[in-house]
Amino acid sequence: MMKELAHHGYHIGPGSLHRAPHKMKAEGLIRSHSKAAVGQVRPRDVATAKGRRTPRSSKRQLRGLADEVLGDETS
């Protein structure tokens, strides 16, 4: 599956998930703020307006990729 994703321009590796929030912040998709919770201050990421629009615009591309990779399993 990794090869198939790479064929479509998606490069996923061990550090992909860890780097994702940093990339999303740099692209203006999310912003961080702190929230107090039971005596602790915890960082929290929230989607920006641009970040909320992005999934809708990518939905068609993701569906096409899923159909190609999984075939009839997505129906």
N, C-alpha and C. Protein backbone atom coordinates (compact mmCIF):
# COMPACT_ATOMS: atom_id res chain seq x y z
N MET A 1 0.82 -1.18 0.00
CA MET A 1 0.00 0.00 0.00
C MET A 1 0.87 1.26 0.00
N MET A 2 2.02 1.22 0.68
CA MET A 2 2.93 2.36 0.73
C MET A 2 3.41 2.71 -0.69
N LYS A 3 3.68 1.70 -1.50
CA LYS A 3 4.12 1.95 -2.88
C LYS A 3 3.01 2.60 -3.69
N GLU A 4 1.79 2.13 -3.51
CA GLU A 4 0.65 2.70 -4.22
C GLU A 4 0.46 4.16 -3.84
N LEU A 5 0.55 4.46 -2.57
CA LEU A 5 0.41 5.84 -2.11
C LEU A 5 1.54 6.70 -2.66
N ALA A 6 2.76 6.17 -2.69
CA ALA A 6 3.90 6.91 -3.23
C ALA A 6 3.69 7.20 -4.71
N HIS A 7 3.09 6.26 -5.42
CA HIS A 7 2.79 6.45 -6.84
C HIS A 7 1.89 7.67 -7.06
N HIS A 8 1.04 7.98 -6.09
CA HIS A 8 0.12 9.10 -6.17
C HIS A 8 0.66 10.37 -5.50
N GLY A 9 1.94 10.32 -5.10
CA GLY A 9 2.55 11.51 -4.52
C GLY A 9 2.44 11.61 -3.01
N TYR A 10 1.97 10.56 -2.36
CA TYR A 10 1.86 10.56 -0.90
C TYR A 10 3.04 9.79 -0.33
N HIS A 11 3.89 10.48 0.42
CA HIS A 11 5.07 9.83 1.00
C HIS A 11 4.88 9.74 2.50
N ILE A 12 4.61 8.54 2.97
CA ILE A 12 4.32 8.31 4.38
C ILE A 12 5.46 7.50 4.99
N GLY A 13 5.98 7.99 6.09
CA GLY A 13 7.05 7.30 6.79
C GLY A 13 6.81 7.33 8.28
N PRO A 14 7.77 6.77 9.04
CA PRO A 14 7.60 6.68 10.50
C PRO A 14 7.34 8.03 11.18
N GLY A 15 7.90 9.12 10.67
CA GLY A 15 7.72 10.42 11.31
C GLY A 15 6.61 11.25 10.73
N SER A 16 5.85 10.71 9.79
CA SER A 16 4.81 11.50 9.12
C SER A 16 3.77 12.06 10.08
N LEU A 17 3.30 11.23 10.99
CA LEU A 17 2.26 11.67 11.91
C LEU A 17 2.78 12.75 12.85
N HIS A 18 4.01 12.60 13.30
CA HIS A 18 4.59 13.58 14.23
C HIS A 18 4.77 14.94 13.55
N ARG A 19 5.15 14.95 12.29
CA ARG A 19 5.39 16.20 11.56
C ARG A 19 4.11 16.86 11.07
N ALA A 20 3.03 16.12 10.98
CA ALA A 20 1.79 16.65 10.40
C ALA A 20 1.29 17.93 11.07
N PRO A 21 1.19 18.00 12.40
CA PRO A 21 0.69 19.24 13.01
C PRO A 21 1.58 20.45 12.71
N HIS A 22 2.89 20.26 12.67
CA HIS A 22 3.79 21.37 12.37
C HIS A 22 3.55 21.89 10.95
N LYS A 23 3.38 20.96 10.02
CA LYS A 23 3.13 21.35 8.64
C LYS A 23 1.77 22.05 8.52
N MET A 24 0.76 21.54 9.22
CA MET A 24 -0.56 22.13 9.18
C MET A 24 -0.56 23.55 9.75
N LYS A 25 0.22 23.78 10.80
CA LYS A 25 0.35 25.13 11.36
C LYS A 25 1.03 26.05 10.36
N ALA A 26 2.09 25.58 9.73
CA ALA A 26 2.82 26.39 8.74
C ALA A 26 1.92 26.76 7.55
N GLU A 27 0.99 25.88 7.20
CA GLU A 27 0.08 26.13 6.08
C GLU A 27 -1.16 26.91 6.49
N GLY A 28 -1.27 27.23 7.78
CA GLY A 28 -2.42 28.00 8.25
C GLY A 28 -3.70 27.19 8.39
N LEU A 29 -3.58 25.87 8.52
CA LEU A 29 -4.76 25.01 8.64
C LEU A 29 -5.23 24.88 10.09
N ILE A 30 -4.28 24.98 11.02
CA ILE A 30 -4.62 24.91 12.45
C ILE A 30 -3.83 25.99 13.18
N ARG A 31 -4.30 26.33 14.38
CA ARG A 31 -3.58 27.25 15.25
C ARG A 31 -3.60 26.66 16.65
N SER A 32 -2.64 27.03 17.44
CA SER A 32 -2.53 26.49 18.80
C SER A 32 -2.93 27.54 19.83
N HIS A 33 -3.48 27.06 20.91
CA HIS A 33 -3.71 27.91 22.07
C HIS A 33 -3.68 26.99 23.29
N SER A 34 -3.58 27.59 24.46
CA SER A 34 -3.52 26.80 25.69
C SER A 34 -4.88 26.80 26.37
N LYS A 35 -5.18 25.69 27.01
CA LYS A 35 -6.46 25.56 27.70
C LYS A 35 -6.18 25.01 29.10
N ALA A 36 -6.76 25.65 30.11
CA ALA A 36 -6.60 25.18 31.48
C ALA A 36 -7.51 23.98 31.71
N ALA A 37 -6.94 22.93 32.29
CA ALA A 37 -7.72 21.73 32.57
C ALA A 37 -7.24 21.13 33.88
N VAL A 38 -8.06 21.16 34.90
CA VAL A 38 -7.78 20.58 36.21
C VAL A 38 -6.37 20.92 36.71
N GLY A 39 -6.09 22.18 36.83
CA GLY A 39 -4.82 22.62 37.38
C GLY A 39 -3.64 22.56 36.42
N GLN A 40 -3.87 22.18 35.19
CA GLN A 40 -2.79 22.11 34.20
C GLN A 40 -3.16 22.97 33.00
N VAL A 41 -2.15 23.45 32.33
CA VAL A 41 -2.38 24.16 31.07
C VAL A 41 -1.94 23.23 29.96
N ARG A 42 -2.86 22.94 29.07
CA ARG A 42 -2.57 22.00 28.00
C ARG A 42 -2.66 22.70 26.64
N PRO A 43 -1.70 22.41 25.76
CA PRO A 43 -1.80 22.99 24.41
C PRO A 43 -2.94 22.33 23.64
N ARG A 44 -3.58 23.10 22.81
CA ARG A 44 -4.69 22.57 22.02
C ARG A 44 -4.63 23.16 20.62
N ASP A 45 -4.82 22.33 19.62
CA ASP A 45 -4.84 22.79 18.23
C ASP A 45 -6.29 22.88 17.77
N VAL A 46 -6.61 23.96 17.05
CA VAL A 46 -7.95 24.17 16.53
C VAL A 46 -7.87 24.49 15.05
N ALA A 47 -8.82 24.00 14.29
CA ALA A 47 -8.85 24.26 12.84
C ALA A 47 -9.18 25.72 12.58
N THR A 48 -8.49 26.30 11.63
CA THR A 48 -8.80 27.65 11.17
C THR A 48 -9.90 27.55 10.11
N ALA A 49 -10.39 28.68 9.63
CA ALA A 49 -11.41 28.65 8.56
C ALA A 49 -10.85 27.93 7.34
N LYS A 50 -9.60 28.23 6.99
CA LYS A 50 -8.95 27.55 5.86
C LYS A 50 -8.86 26.05 6.13
N GLY A 51 -8.54 25.68 7.36
CA GLY A 51 -8.44 24.27 7.73
C GLY A 51 -9.76 23.53 7.66
N ARG A 52 -10.86 24.25 7.92
CA ARG A 52 -12.18 23.60 7.82
C ARG A 52 -12.60 23.44 6.36
N ARG A 53 -12.15 24.33 5.48
CA ARG A 53 -12.49 24.21 4.05
C ARG A 53 -11.69 23.11 3.36
N THR A 54 -10.47 22.89 3.77
CA THR A 54 -9.55 21.97 3.10
C THR A 54 -10.10 20.55 2.97
N PRO A 55 -10.64 19.93 4.03
CA PRO A 55 -11.15 18.57 3.85
C PRO A 55 -12.25 18.47 2.80
N ARG A 56 -13.11 19.49 2.72
CA ARG A 56 -14.18 19.45 1.73
C ARG A 56 -13.61 19.49 0.32
N SER A 57 -12.56 20.30 0.13
CA SER A 57 -12.00 20.41 -1.21
C SER A 57 -11.19 19.18 -1.60
N SER A 58 -10.74 18.41 -0.61
CA SER A 58 -9.91 17.23 -0.88
C SER A 58 -10.72 15.94 -0.95
N LYS A 59 -11.98 16.00 -0.61
CA LYS A 59 -12.81 14.80 -0.51
C LYS A 59 -12.84 14.00 -1.80
N ARG A 60 -13.00 14.66 -2.93
CA ARG A 60 -13.07 13.97 -4.21
C ARG A 60 -11.77 13.24 -4.51
N GLN A 61 -10.63 13.90 -4.25
CA GLN A 61 -9.33 13.28 -4.49
C GLN A 61 -9.14 12.05 -3.60
N LEU A 62 -9.51 12.16 -2.34
CA LEU A 62 -9.37 11.03 -1.42
C LEU A 62 -10.26 9.87 -1.82
N ARG A 63 -11.48 10.17 -2.25
CA ARG A 63 -12.39 9.11 -2.68
C ARG A 63 -11.83 8.38 -3.90
N GLY A 64 -11.26 9.14 -4.84
CA GLY A 64 -10.65 8.54 -6.02
C GLY A 64 -9.48 7.65 -5.67
N LEU A 65 -8.65 8.11 -4.74
CA LEU A 65 -7.51 7.31 -4.30
C LEU A 65 -7.99 6.03 -3.60
N ALA A 66 -8.98 6.17 -2.72
CA ALA A 66 -9.51 5.00 -2.01
C ALA A 66 -10.11 4.00 -3.00
N ASP A 67 -10.85 4.48 -3.97
CA ASP A 67 -11.44 3.58 -4.98
C ASP A 67 -10.36 2.83 -5.75
N GLU A 68 -9.28 3.54 -6.08
CA GLU A 68 -8.22 2.90 -6.83
C GLU A 68 -7.45 1.88 -6.00
N VAL A 69 -7.19 2.22 -4.75
CA VAL A 69 -6.42 1.32 -3.88
C VAL A 69 -7.26 0.15 -3.41
N LEU A 70 -8.51 0.42 -2.99
CA LEU A 70 -9.34 -0.62 -2.39
C LEU A 70 -10.33 -1.26 -3.36
N GLY A 71 -10.53 -0.65 -4.50
CA GLY A 71 -11.46 -1.21 -5.49
C GLY A 71 -12.89 -1.20 -4.98
N ASP A 72 -13.57 -2.30 -5.08
CA ASP A 72 -14.98 -2.40 -4.70
C ASP A 72 -15.23 -2.36 -3.20
N GLU A 73 -14.17 -2.46 -2.40
CA GLU A 73 -14.34 -2.48 -0.94
C GLU A 73 -14.91 -1.16 -0.41
N THR A 74 -14.79 -0.04 -1.14
CA THR A 74 -15.26 1.25 -0.65
C THR A 74 -16.73 1.47 -0.90
N SER A 75 -17.38 0.63 -1.65
CA SER A 75 -18.81 0.82 -1.97
C SER A 75 -19.68 0.24 -0.87
